[in-house]
Amino acid sequence: MDHTKEKDEITSFSFQSQEGTTSDDSQSGSKWQHFKDTFKRANGISHIDKGNLDDIERANLGTTTGDLHRELKNKHIQMIALGGSIGTGLLIGSGGALHTGGPAALLIAWGLVGTMVFCVIHSLGEMCVAFPVNGAFSTYATRFVDSSWGFAVGWNYALMWLIVLPLELVAASMCIQYWNSNINPAAWVVLFYLFIFAINLFGVKGYGEAEFYLTIFKVIAIVGFIILGVVLVCGGGPTHEFVGNKNWKVGAFANGFKGVATTFITASYSLAGSEMVGLASAEVANPRKHLPKAVRQVFWRIFLFYFLSLTMIGLLVPYDHPSLLGASGTSASPFVIAIQEGGIKALPSIFNACILISVISVGNSAVFGCSRTIQSLGAQGLAPEIFAFVDRKGRPLAGLALSAVFGLLCFLSAYHDEGTVFGWLLSVSGLATIFSWGNIALCHVRFRLAMRVQNRSLEELSFTSIAGIWGSIYSIGFLCLVLGVQFWTALFPLGSNGHASAESFFQNYLGSVVILIFYIGHKLYSRNWRIYLKLEEIDLDTGRRVVDIELIKAEIEEEKAANRLKPMYKRIWNYWF
């Protein structure tokens, strides 16, 4: 059955309706009534009859005709791109990586993972500018690969954020205990829980504004630490000790190749959230203009915030520092340890506050990422229909409610063995980021191949990945290598003397079993035995932001002509910022 005309009409209308959606139908009535009305189902067309469509067509239309509001501005998306993923992985987790692998391992692991993330985010940007639809990469899995793969990737990613939220809430309460350990952490958890959900109830604009200001604090903290690190390394601190490279001489590679291999997983975890720019693409006011700049920010984030800050950490903190051994919370943060070792008294408390802000930011992103992914799954028909619910303020209420329920796990912080519980919870989706990045690269490869098979020109795309299809192929190969290394280090962990450990394996590799269960379970339930879509069957039109090729070419030419008239420094600035 040919649904092209129907899909084109729906796509055209959906993008027009999203730009000008109002919160209610009438201006009459009390303010209280207006407030209550905002929680009613949006007046979009996302509930059209899709009974005559197959699973792929239904998913493509469902995510195209959603009712999310396009309220994220340029400043929001730039800050989300610049510092949205900076959290406990870098500020605390890097301490364990330093102890395990040594300072050289930090630079090798984060450097190599960074090159892969750079390619993946550019690939994601290319697809998001062309198809700024709900759910981004989980939707692309359905569109370019298969609905069962979309189900597995989407639910695995949502599950990751569902579990990360209570973990970040507990981490936030631990930050407070740095100053006062006499108060039950559950009391602080309640405050952070309510604060994060209050932000998200203001809609996407509330999330964007919160991330804008929280990221400013994070950026200032990291840049300030790098400057301070240079001073301390050169002997300009209160102790006047020239640090130089003495910590590299002691243990550049703490545990040899296995130590470096183990560090790759921490590096991957710390960069989780980089893909959040793509997830927000359906709520960006002007995706073609704002998303390319946001994607380019990933270079500065990796180089400035990760590579340079970890260089300072490797120089200032010895890999065998006592605080890195068995410590938890901010006391194990190599950033705080570096400042303390430099003999500076008040600054550790200030940086602890920065860690607290970062943790709250990641918790905020967890609610946003989970709720949008679940809404997309509902719209695709890969979750109960209730999860597709979006109210008149553009809030995916069912997704937010599910996040709120799982967020209650944070009260396990009052349990005496909460570390073990959270460890096993995290193992369920511990590899979710790896699979999500691999999925993005795979979708980009199939997108480009489908363009070639269907005789479509790359000139149709207003933004293309700087690494091209080969960058995605490199990313897939690299991620397969990381999964192989993780299998080895999970089965034979450091200190096991070559003996296999079942507990270590399942705690570190259970995520791969979970996504396999999701995939096979959906195949059995749907009785869809297709492995992947044929390239000629892939839909390259539904959900396209602009389908007028000549209009795209004309706009790009006008922008290039205007740019050529500007001085070189302005052209460089506009490209990267």
Protein backbone atom coordinates (compact mmCIF):
# COMPACT_ATOMS: atom_id res chain seq x y z
CA MET A 1 0.00 0.00 0.00
CA ASP A 2 1.35 3.46 -0.92
CA HIS A 3 1.19 5.84 2.03
CA THR A 4 3.54 8.47 0.61
CA LYS A 5 0.92 11.18 0.11
CA GLU A 6 -0.60 10.59 3.55
CA LYS A 7 2.84 10.71 5.21
CA ASP A 8 3.87 13.89 3.36
CA GLU A 9 0.71 15.70 4.47
CA ILE A 10 1.14 14.58 8.08
CA THR A 11 4.83 15.48 8.14
CA SER A 12 4.20 18.93 6.71
CA PHE A 13 1.42 19.66 9.17
CA SER A 14 3.26 18.26 12.18
CA PHE A 15 6.24 20.59 11.87
CA GLN A 16 3.98 23.59 11.40
CA SER A 17 1.88 22.63 14.43
CA GLN A 18 4.93 22.09 16.65
CA GLU A 19 6.21 25.60 16.00
CA GLY A 20 3.07 27.30 17.18
CA THR A 21 1.47 24.95 19.70
CA THR A 22 -0.31 26.76 22.49
CA SER A 23 -0.83 25.50 25.99
CA ASP A 24 -4.61 25.64 25.84
CA ASP A 25 -7.43 26.15 23.42
CA SER A 26 -9.03 29.14 24.99
CA GLN A 27 -7.95 32.26 26.83
CA SER A 28 -11.10 32.29 28.96
CA GLY A 29 -11.46 30.81 32.43
CA SER A 30 -9.53 31.01 35.67
CA LYS A 31 -5.77 30.68 35.98
CA TRP A 32 -6.29 27.50 37.97
CA GLN A 33 -8.34 26.06 35.12
CA HIS A 34 -5.63 27.04 32.63
CA PHE A 35 -3.06 25.32 34.83
CA LYS A 36 -5.11 22.12 35.00
CA ASP A 37 -5.70 22.21 31.24
CA THR A 38 -1.97 22.16 30.55
CA PHE A 39 -1.91 18.55 31.78
CA LYS A 40 -4.46 17.46 29.18
CA ARG A 41 -3.39 15.64 26.04
CA ALA A 42 -1.89 17.97 23.43
CA ASN A 43 -4.08 18.97 20.51
CA GLY A 44 -1.67 17.65 17.90
CA ILE A 45 -2.18 14.90 15.34
CA SER A 46 -0.06 12.26 16.98
CA HIS A 47 -3.05 10.01 17.45
CA ILE A 48 -3.92 9.45 13.81
CA ASP A 49 -5.10 6.02 12.72
CA LYS A 50 -2.05 3.94 11.84
CA GLY A 51 -3.90 0.65 11.58
CA ASN A 52 -3.10 0.12 7.88
CA LEU A 53 0.64 0.73 8.27
CA ASP A 54 3.40 -1.77 8.96
CA ASP A 55 5.68 -1.54 12.01
CA ILE A 56 8.31 0.68 10.34
CA GLU A 57 5.81 3.10 8.78
CA ARG A 58 3.93 3.34 12.08
CA ALA A 59 7.13 4.08 13.98
CA ASN A 60 8.32 6.70 11.47
CA LEU A 61 4.99 8.52 11.50
CA GLY A 62 4.60 8.23 15.27
CA THR A 63 7.88 9.99 16.02
CA THR A 64 7.34 12.59 13.30
CA THR A 65 3.93 13.73 14.46
CA GLY A 66 4.65 14.16 18.17
CA ASP A 67 3.60 17.12 20.30
CA LEU A 68 6.90 18.03 21.96
CA HIS A 69 7.49 21.79 21.88
CA ARG A 70 10.44 23.33 20.03
CA GLU A 71 11.51 25.68 22.82
CA LEU A 72 15.25 24.99 23.12
CA LYS A 73 17.19 28.02 21.92
CA ASN A 74 20.73 28.28 20.63
CA LYS A 75 22.18 29.08 24.08
CA HIS A 76 20.50 26.01 25.58
CA ILE A 77 21.66 23.53 22.98
CA GLN A 78 25.21 24.94 22.98
CA MET A 79 25.54 24.48 26.74
CA ILE A 80 23.98 21.01 26.64
CA ALA A 81 26.58 20.10 24.02
CA LEU A 82 29.47 21.79 25.81
CA GLY A 83 29.12 20.40 29.31
CA GLY A 84 26.03 18.24 29.56
CA SER A 85 27.97 15.00 30.08
CA ILE A 86 30.41 16.31 32.71
CA GLY A 87 29.54 14.52 35.95
CA THR A 88 30.67 11.85 38.36
CA GLY A 89 32.36 9.82 35.61
CA LEU A 90 35.01 12.50 35.13
CA LEU A 91 35.04 14.23 38.52
CA ILE A 92 35.01 11.09 40.71
CA GLY A 93 35.30 7.98 38.50
CA SER A 94 38.57 9.13 36.96
CA GLY A 95 40.20 8.59 40.37
CA GLY A 96 39.57 4.86 40.20
CA ALA A 97 40.82 4.83 36.60
CA LEU A 98 44.02 6.59 37.68
CA HIS A 99 44.61 4.01 40.40
CA THR A 100 43.89 1.11 38.04
CA GLY A 101 45.77 2.23 34.94
CA GLY A 102 48.10 5.07 35.89
CA PRO A 103 48.38 8.58 34.36
CA ALA A 104 49.36 7.34 30.89
CA ALA A 105 46.28 5.10 30.78
CA LEU A 106 44.05 8.13 31.43
CA LEU A 107 45.29 9.94 28.34
CA ILE A 108 45.31 6.82 26.14
CA ALA A 109 41.79 5.71 27.15
CA TRP A 110 40.11 9.10 27.07
CA GLY A 111 42.00 10.10 23.94
CA LEU A 112 40.96 7.02 21.95
CA VAL A 113 37.39 6.98 23.26
CA GLY A 114 37.26 10.70 22.52
CA THR A 115 38.11 10.17 18.84
CA MET A 116 35.30 7.63 18.60
CA VAL A 117 32.80 9.94 20.34
CA PHE A 118 33.82 12.77 18.01
CA CYS A 119 32.92 10.63 14.97
CA VAL A 120 29.70 9.31 16.55
CA ILE A 121 28.34 12.73 17.53
CA HIS A 122 29.05 14.13 14.06
CA SER A 123 27.21 11.16 12.55
CA LEU A 124 24.33 11.76 14.94
CA GLY A 125 24.30 15.46 14.07
CA GLU A 126 24.01 14.67 10.37
CA MET A 127 20.96 12.48 10.95
CA CYS A 128 19.37 14.84 13.49
CA VAL A 129 19.60 17.87 11.21
CA ALA A 130 17.95 15.85 8.44
CA PHE A 131 15.45 14.05 10.73
CA PRO A 132 14.85 16.05 13.96
CA VAL A 133 12.35 13.52 15.29
CA ASN A 134 11.33 12.30 18.75
CA GLY A 135 13.75 9.86 20.32
CA ALA A 136 16.63 10.46 17.90
CA PHE A 137 18.96 7.45 17.85
CA SER A 138 16.43 4.91 19.17
CA THR A 139 14.08 6.07 16.40
CA TYR A 140 16.86 5.82 13.83
CA ALA A 141 17.46 2.21 14.94
CA THR A 142 13.90 1.40 13.89
CA ARG A 143 14.03 3.48 10.71
CA PHE A 144 17.41 2.30 9.37
CA VAL A 145 17.84 -1.19 10.89
CA ASP A 146 14.77 -2.94 12.31
CA SER A 147 12.01 -2.42 14.88
CA SER A 148 13.33 -5.16 17.19
CA TRP A 149 16.74 -3.49 17.28
CA GLY A 150 15.01 -0.15 17.94
CA PHE A 151 13.09 -1.75 20.83
CA ALA A 152 16.25 -3.23 22.35
CA VAL A 153 18.40 -0.10 22.01
CA GLY A 154 15.62 2.25 23.15
CA TRP A 155 14.64 0.34 26.28
CA ASN A 156 18.26 -0.37 27.20
CA TYR A 157 19.04 3.35 26.97
CA ALA A 158 15.93 4.33 28.94
CA LEU A 159 16.77 1.73 31.58
CA MET A 160 20.24 3.23 31.95
CA TRP A 161 18.84 6.67 32.78
CA LEU A 162 16.20 5.15 35.09
CA ILE A 163 19.00 3.65 37.17
CA VAL A 164 21.45 6.56 36.85
CA LEU A 165 18.90 8.97 38.38
CA PRO A 166 18.82 7.41 41.89
CA LEU A 167 22.58 6.87 41.73
CA GLU A 168 23.14 10.58 41.06
CA LEU A 169 20.72 11.55 43.83
CA VAL A 170 22.69 9.43 46.29
CA ALA A 171 25.96 10.89 44.97
CA ALA A 172 24.54 14.38 45.59
CA SER A 173 23.76 13.49 49.20
CA MET A 174 27.31 12.16 49.59
CA CYS A 175 28.63 15.53 48.42
CA ILE A 176 26.76 17.17 51.28
CA GLN A 177 28.28 14.69 53.74
CA TYR A 178 31.68 16.12 52.82
CA TRP A 179 30.67 19.11 54.96
CA ASN A 180 28.25 17.49 57.42
CA SER A 181 27.99 13.72 57.93
CA ASN A 182 25.64 13.88 60.92
CA ILE A 183 22.43 14.24 58.88
CA ASN A 184 20.80 11.16 57.37
CA PRO A 185 21.55 11.19 53.60
CA ALA A 186 17.90 10.32 52.88
CA ALA A 187 16.95 13.86 53.99
CA TRP A 188 19.15 15.43 51.30
CA VAL A 189 17.98 12.91 48.73
CA VAL A 190 14.39 14.14 49.15
CA LEU A 191 15.40 17.73 48.46
CA PHE A 192 17.37 16.88 45.32
CA TYR A 193 14.62 14.53 44.11
CA LEU A 194 11.97 17.25 44.36
CA PHE A 195 14.26 19.89 42.85
CA ILE A 196 15.07 17.83 39.73
CA PHE A 197 11.45 16.92 39.02
CA ALA A 198 10.30 20.49 39.64
CA ILE A 199 12.72 21.60 36.90
CA ASN A 200 11.37 19.03 34.44
CA LEU A 201 7.75 19.93 35.18
CA PHE A 202 8.49 23.34 33.69
CA GLY A 203 8.87 21.55 30.36
CA VAL A 204 11.79 21.49 27.97
CA LYS A 205 12.45 25.19 28.50
CA GLY A 206 12.91 24.53 32.24
CA TYR A 207 15.38 21.77 31.47
CA GLY A 208 17.23 23.98 28.99
CA GLU A 209 17.48 26.94 31.37
CA ALA A 210 18.66 24.74 34.25
CA GLU A 211 21.33 23.09 32.08
CA PHE A 212 22.45 26.47 30.77
CA TYR A 213 23.30 27.81 34.23
CA LEU A 214 24.50 24.52 35.72
CA THR A 215 26.87 24.01 32.77
CA ILE A 216 28.28 27.53 33.16
CA PHE A 217 29.34 26.59 36.70
CA LYS A 218 30.87 23.32 35.47
CA VAL A 219 32.79 25.03 32.68
CA ILE A 220 34.18 27.68 35.04
CA ALA A 221 35.20 24.97 37.54
CA ILE A 222 37.04 22.82 34.98
CA VAL A 223 38.79 25.76 33.30
CA GLY A 224 39.77 27.12 36.72
CA PHE A 225 41.15 23.73 37.74
CA ILE A 226 43.27 23.48 34.57
CA ILE A 227 44.78 26.91 35.24
CA LEU A 228 45.37 25.99 38.89
CA GLY A 229 46.91 22.68 37.78
CA VAL A 230 49.48 24.42 35.60
CA VAL A 231 50.42 26.65 38.56
CA LEU A 232 50.74 23.69 40.96
CA VAL A 233 52.76 21.56 38.53
CA CYS A 234 55.21 24.43 38.06
CA GLY A 235 55.62 24.89 41.82
CA GLY A 236 53.53 28.02 42.20
CA GLY A 237 51.29 26.68 44.97
CA PRO A 238 51.55 27.32 48.72
CA THR A 239 54.02 24.44 49.13
CA HIS A 240 56.25 25.79 46.30
CA GLU A 241 57.01 22.19 45.33
CA PHE A 242 57.89 21.64 41.67
CA VAL A 243 55.82 18.58 40.74
CA GLY A 244 56.83 18.18 37.10
CA ASN A 245 56.53 14.60 35.86
CA LYS A 246 57.53 12.77 39.03
CA ASN A 247 54.20 10.89 39.23
CA TRP A 248 54.70 9.65 35.67
CA LYS A 249 58.11 8.26 36.59
CA VAL A 250 56.65 6.27 39.48
CA GLY A 251 53.80 4.55 37.64
CA ALA A 252 52.81 5.78 34.19
CA PHE A 253 51.29 2.33 33.54
CA ALA A 254 50.15 1.06 36.93
CA ASN A 255 48.98 -2.40 35.86
CA GLY A 256 50.34 -2.74 32.36
CA PHE A 257 48.08 -3.41 29.37
CA LYS A 258 45.27 -4.84 31.51
CA GLY A 259 45.18 -1.64 33.56
CA VAL A 260 44.83 0.43 30.38
CA ALA A 261 42.13 -1.94 29.06
CA THR A 262 40.11 -1.62 32.26
CA THR A 263 40.29 2.17 32.04
CA PHE A 264 38.46 2.22 28.68
CA ILE A 265 35.17 1.39 30.39
CA THR A 266 35.47 4.29 32.85
CA ALA A 267 36.30 6.62 29.96
CA SER A 268 33.22 5.46 28.08
CA TYR A 269 31.02 5.93 31.16
CA SER A 270 32.36 9.45 31.79
CA LEU A 271 31.52 10.51 28.23
CA ALA A 272 27.97 9.11 28.46
CA GLY A 273 25.45 11.84 27.77
CA SER A 274 27.37 13.28 24.82
CA GLU A 275 24.52 12.01 22.64
CA MET A 276 21.99 14.14 24.56
CA VAL A 277 22.22 16.80 21.83
CA GLY A 278 20.61 14.38 19.42
CA LEU A 279 17.89 13.45 21.87
CA ALA A 280 16.99 17.14 22.23
CA SER A 281 16.84 17.72 18.46
CA ALA A 282 13.06 17.31 18.34
CA GLU A 283 12.72 20.27 20.72
CA VAL A 284 15.21 22.67 19.14
CA ALA A 285 13.68 25.78 17.58
CA ASN A 286 15.89 25.70 14.46
CA PRO A 287 17.71 22.35 14.13
CA ARG A 288 19.43 23.16 10.81
CA LYS A 289 21.03 26.28 12.25
CA HIS A 290 21.71 25.35 15.88
CA LEU A 291 22.55 21.63 15.86
CA PRO A 292 25.68 21.80 13.63
CA LYS A 293 27.30 24.31 16.00
CA ALA A 294 26.36 22.16 18.99
CA VAL A 295 27.88 19.08 17.35
CA ARG A 296 31.16 20.90 16.73
CA GLN A 297 31.36 21.72 20.45
CA VAL A 298 32.19 18.08 21.15
CA PHE A 299 35.77 18.73 20.03
CA TRP A 300 36.26 21.41 22.69
CA ARG A 301 34.56 19.33 25.37
CA ILE A 302 36.84 16.34 24.78
CA PHE A 303 40.03 18.35 24.40
CA LEU A 304 39.53 21.07 27.00
CA PHE A 305 37.43 19.46 29.72
CA TYR A 306 38.64 15.88 29.54
CA PHE A 307 42.09 15.70 27.98
CA LEU A 308 43.64 18.77 29.62
CA SER A 309 42.03 18.27 33.04
CA LEU A 310 43.09 14.60 33.13
CA THR A 311 46.61 15.61 32.10
CA MET A 312 46.74 17.80 35.21
CA ILE A 313 45.29 14.98 37.34
CA GLY A 314 47.96 12.55 36.11
CA LEU A 315 50.71 15.04 36.94
CA LEU A 316 49.42 16.08 40.37
CA VAL A 317 48.00 12.87 41.90
CA PRO A 318 50.10 9.69 42.30
CA TYR A 319 48.29 6.57 41.14
CA ASP A 320 48.81 4.92 44.57
CA HIS A 321 47.52 7.85 46.64
CA PRO A 322 45.82 6.49 49.82
CA SER A 323 42.58 8.43 49.13
CA LEU A 324 42.14 6.55 45.85
CA LEU A 325 42.15 3.18 47.63
CA GLY A 326 38.70 2.10 48.77
CA ALA A 327 37.43 5.65 49.29
CA SER A 328 33.99 6.73 48.07
CA GLY A 329 32.25 9.96 47.16
CA THR A 330 34.06 13.25 46.77
CA SER A 331 36.88 12.09 49.05
CA ALA A 332 37.94 9.87 46.12
CA SER A 333 37.75 12.70 43.58
CA PRO A 334 41.22 13.21 42.08
CA PHE A 335 40.33 16.87 41.54
CA VAL A 336 39.78 17.41 45.27
CA ILE A 337 42.89 15.33 46.10
CA ALA A 338 45.02 17.40 43.70
CA ILE A 339 43.90 20.63 45.36
CA GLN A 340 44.52 19.22 48.85
CA GLU A 341 47.99 17.98 47.85
CA GLY A 342 48.75 21.49 46.60
CA GLY A 343 48.28 22.79 50.15
CA ILE A 344 45.22 24.93 49.39
CA LYS A 345 42.79 24.92 52.33
CA ALA A 346 39.42 26.39 51.28
CA LEU A 347 39.36 25.40 47.61
CA PRO A 348 38.53 21.68 48.12
CA SER A 349 35.18 22.68 49.64
CA ILE A 350 34.51 25.01 46.74
CA PHE A 351 35.29 22.29 44.21
CA ASN A 352 33.09 19.88 46.16
CA ALA A 353 30.24 22.34 45.54
CA CYS A 354 31.06 22.19 41.82
CA ILE A 355 30.87 18.39 41.96
CA LEU A 356 27.47 18.71 43.64
CA ILE A 357 26.26 20.98 40.83
CA SER A 358 27.56 18.52 38.23
CA VAL A 359 25.78 15.61 39.90
CA ILE A 360 22.47 17.52 39.96
CA SER A 361 22.98 18.38 36.28
CA VAL A 362 23.45 14.71 35.36
CA GLY A 363 20.35 13.80 37.38
CA ASN A 364 18.42 16.46 35.49
CA SER A 365 19.67 15.06 32.18
CA ALA A 366 18.71 11.55 33.30
CA VAL A 367 15.06 12.56 33.72
CA PHE A 368 15.07 14.39 30.38
CA GLY A 369 16.78 11.57 28.48
CA CYS A 370 14.64 8.82 29.97
CA SER A 371 11.30 10.59 29.53
CA ARG A 372 12.00 11.50 25.87
CA THR A 373 13.24 8.02 24.99
CA ILE A 374 10.20 6.37 26.58
CA GLN A 375 7.84 8.82 24.84
CA SER A 376 9.48 7.93 21.54
CA LEU A 377 9.12 4.21 22.22
CA GLY A 378 5.43 4.72 22.96
CA ALA A 379 4.99 6.74 19.76
CA GLN A 380 6.72 4.01 17.74
CA GLY A 381 4.45 1.32 19.16
CA LEU A 382 7.38 -0.27 21.01
CA ALA A 383 5.92 0.51 24.44
CA PRO A 384 2.37 0.80 25.84
CA GLU A 385 0.48 3.65 24.16
CA ILE A 386 0.18 5.58 27.44
CA PHE A 387 3.92 6.32 27.28
CA ALA A 388 3.38 8.36 24.11
CA PHE A 389 1.27 10.84 26.10
CA VAL A 390 2.41 14.45 25.77
CA ASP A 391 0.47 17.24 27.47
CA ARG A 392 -0.25 20.74 26.17
CA LYS A 393 2.99 22.08 27.64
CA GLY A 394 4.96 19.52 25.63
CA ARG A 395 5.77 17.39 28.68
CA PRO A 396 5.90 13.59 28.26
CA LEU A 397 4.08 13.02 31.54
CA ALA A 398 4.03 9.21 31.44
CA GLY A 399 7.79 9.12 30.91
CA LEU A 400 8.32 11.62 33.72
CA ALA A 401 6.10 9.54 36.01
CA LEU A 402 8.12 6.38 35.29
CA SER A 403 11.35 8.27 36.03
CA ALA A 404 9.84 9.51 39.29
CA VAL A 405 8.93 5.98 40.36
CA PHE A 406 12.42 4.61 39.65
CA GLY A 407 13.91 7.69 41.28
CA LEU A 408 12.48 6.46 44.59
CA LEU A 409 15.27 3.87 44.59
CA CYS A 410 17.41 6.73 45.90
CA PHE A 411 16.00 6.05 49.36
CA LEU A 412 18.09 2.89 49.40
CA SER A 413 20.80 5.31 50.53
CA ALA A 414 19.52 4.68 54.04
CA TYR A 415 20.17 0.94 53.61
CA HIS A 416 23.42 -0.32 55.13
CA ASP A 417 24.50 -2.19 51.99
CA GLU A 418 23.28 0.26 49.35
CA GLY A 419 26.59 0.04 47.43
CA THR A 420 26.01 -3.60 46.54
CA VAL A 421 22.40 -2.95 45.51
CA PHE A 422 23.30 -0.04 43.25
CA GLY A 423 26.25 -1.97 41.83
CA TRP A 424 23.96 -4.72 40.59
CA LEU A 425 21.35 -2.22 39.36
CA LEU A 426 23.96 -0.40 37.33
CA SER A 427 25.25 -3.67 35.87
CA VAL A 428 21.85 -4.19 34.18
CA SER A 429 22.52 -1.26 31.86
CA GLY A 430 26.25 -0.77 32.35
CA LEU A 431 27.01 -1.16 28.64
CA ALA A 432 24.02 0.90 27.44
CA THR A 433 26.22 3.80 26.32
CA ILE A 434 28.44 1.49 24.25
CA PHE A 435 25.42 -0.02 22.49
CA SER A 436 23.84 3.42 21.94
CA TRP A 437 27.00 4.80 20.32
CA GLY A 438 27.39 1.66 18.23
CA ASN A 439 23.78 1.99 17.12
CA ILE A 440 24.30 5.62 16.05
CA ALA A 441 27.31 4.63 13.93
CA LEU A 442 25.46 1.66 12.43
CA CYS A 443 22.42 3.80 11.58
CA HIS A 444 24.64 6.41 9.94
CA VAL A 445 26.35 3.78 7.78
CA ARG A 446 22.99 2.38 6.67
CA PHE A 447 21.63 5.91 6.11
CA ARG A 448 24.52 6.75 3.78
CA LEU A 449 24.24 3.40 1.97
CA ALA A 450 20.49 3.88 1.54
CA MET A 451 21.14 7.35 0.08
CA ARG A 452 23.53 5.77 -2.42
CA VAL A 453 21.23 2.86 -3.36
CA GLN A 454 18.24 5.16 -3.81
CA ASN A 455 20.27 7.57 -5.95
CA ARG A 456 19.98 10.43 -3.46
CA SER A 457 22.67 13.08 -3.38
CA LEU A 458 24.49 14.25 -0.25
CA GLU A 459 23.71 17.76 -1.46
CA GLU A 460 20.26 17.19 0.04
CA LEU A 461 21.86 17.33 3.50
CA SER A 462 22.46 20.76 5.00
CA PHE A 463 25.00 19.28 7.43
CA THR A 464 27.27 16.29 6.89
CA SER A 465 29.60 14.50 9.29
CA ILE A 466 33.18 15.73 9.08
CA ALA A 467 34.36 12.10 9.46
CA GLY A 468 31.89 10.76 6.88
CA ILE A 469 30.88 7.13 6.62
CA TRP A 470 34.43 5.98 7.42
CA GLY A 471 34.24 7.69 10.81
CA SER A 472 31.18 5.58 11.62
CA ILE A 473 32.88 2.40 10.42
CA TYR A 474 35.88 3.22 12.63
CA SER A 475 33.52 3.80 15.58
CA ILE A 476 31.81 0.44 15.10
CA GLY A 477 35.17 -1.36 14.97
CA PHE A 478 36.49 0.50 18.02
CA LEU A 479 33.35 -0.21 20.07
CA CYS A 480 33.52 -3.91 19.18
CA LEU A 481 37.12 -3.85 20.46
CA VAL A 482 35.98 -2.17 23.71
CA LEU A 483 33.29 -4.83 24.18
CA GLY A 484 35.90 -7.54 23.66
CA VAL A 485 38.27 -5.93 26.14
CA GLN A 486 35.43 -5.51 28.64
CA PHE A 487 34.59 -9.21 28.31
CA TRP A 488 38.19 -10.11 29.12
CA THR A 489 38.59 -7.74 32.07
CA ALA A 490 35.13 -8.66 33.43
CA LEU A 491 35.83 -12.39 33.36
CA PHE A 492 39.44 -12.09 34.57
CA PRO A 493 39.54 -8.88 36.66
CA LEU A 494 42.66 -7.28 38.04
CA GLY A 495 43.99 -9.15 41.04
CA SER A 496 42.31 -12.43 40.09
CA ASN A 497 45.66 -14.04 39.16
CA GLY A 498 44.17 -15.47 36.00
CA HIS A 499 41.16 -17.04 37.72
CA ALA A 500 37.69 -16.40 36.25
CA SER A 501 35.20 -14.52 38.44
CA ALA A 502 31.48 -15.07 37.78
CA GLU A 503 30.48 -12.19 40.07
CA SER A 504 32.81 -9.73 38.35
CA PHE A 505 31.65 -10.91 34.92
CA PHE A 506 27.96 -10.40 35.56
CA GLN A 507 28.47 -7.09 37.37
CA ASN A 508 30.41 -5.73 34.42
CA TYR A 509 28.91 -7.55 31.41
CA LEU A 510 25.28 -8.14 32.34
CA GLY A 511 24.24 -5.23 30.09
CA SER A 512 25.06 -7.25 26.97
CA VAL A 513 22.80 -10.07 28.17
CA VAL A 514 19.98 -7.60 28.90
CA ILE A 515 20.01 -6.04 25.42
CA LEU A 516 20.07 -9.52 23.88
CA ILE A 517 16.99 -10.46 25.95
CA PHE A 518 15.23 -7.28 24.78
CA TYR A 519 16.03 -8.05 21.15
CA ILE A 520 15.06 -11.74 21.17
CA GLY A 521 12.00 -11.04 23.34
CA HIS A 522 10.66 -8.52 20.85
CA LYS A 523 11.30 -10.91 17.95
CA LEU A 524 9.33 -13.65 19.70
CA TYR A 525 6.50 -11.30 20.72
CA SER A 526 6.13 -9.55 17.35
CA ARG A 527 6.96 -12.66 15.29
CA ASN A 528 9.00 -10.38 13.07
CA TRP A 529 11.90 -12.49 11.83
CA ARG A 530 13.43 -9.79 9.62
CA ILE A 531 17.04 -9.10 10.63
CA TYR A 532 17.35 -5.74 8.88
CA LEU A 533 15.56 -3.59 6.32
CA LYS A 534 16.69 -3.69 2.73
CA LEU A 535 18.45 -0.47 1.76
CA GLU A 536 15.94 0.30 -0.97
CA GLU A 537 13.08 0.00 1.56
CA ILE A 538 14.47 2.56 4.02
CA ASP A 539 12.25 5.67 4.27
CA LEU A 540 14.36 8.78 3.58
CA ASP A 541 11.51 11.31 3.53
CA THR A 542 9.14 10.93 6.49
CA GLY A 543 10.19 13.31 9.24
CA ARG A 544 12.53 15.37 7.08
CA ARG A 545 12.67 18.92 8.41
CA VAL A 546 12.98 20.38 4.91
CA VAL A 547 12.43 18.26 1.81
CA ASP A 548 12.84 21.04 -0.77
CA ILE A 549 16.35 20.35 -2.06
CA GLU A 550 16.57 23.52 -4.11
CA LEU A 551 15.58 25.60 -1.10
CA ILE A 552 18.28 23.95 1.02
CA LYS A 553 20.93 24.61 -1.64
CA ALA A 554 19.86 28.25 -1.99
CA GLU A 555 19.99 28.84 1.78
CA ILE A 556 23.42 27.22 2.11
CA GLU A 557 24.79 29.28 -0.80
CA GLU A 558 23.46 32.50 0.76
CA GLU A 559 25.09 31.63 4.09
CA LYS A 560 28.41 30.80 2.40
CA ALA A 561 28.35 34.05 0.41
CA ALA A 562 27.64 36.10 3.55
CA ASN A 563 30.35 34.23 5.44
CA ARG A 564 33.00 34.92 2.77
CA LEU A 565 32.57 38.66 3.37
CA LYS A 566 33.50 38.31 7.04
CA PRO A 567 37.09 38.45 8.40
CA MET A 568 38.88 35.11 8.86
CA TYR A 569 38.72 35.21 12.68
CA LYS A 570 34.95 35.67 12.55
CA ARG A 571 34.56 32.77 10.14
CA ILE A 572 36.57 30.49 12.43
CA TRP A 573 34.60 31.65 15.47
CA ASN A 574 31.23 31.14 13.77
CA TYR A 575 32.22 27.65 12.60
CA TRP A 576 33.27 26.33 16.02
CA PHE A 577 30.99 28.43 18.22
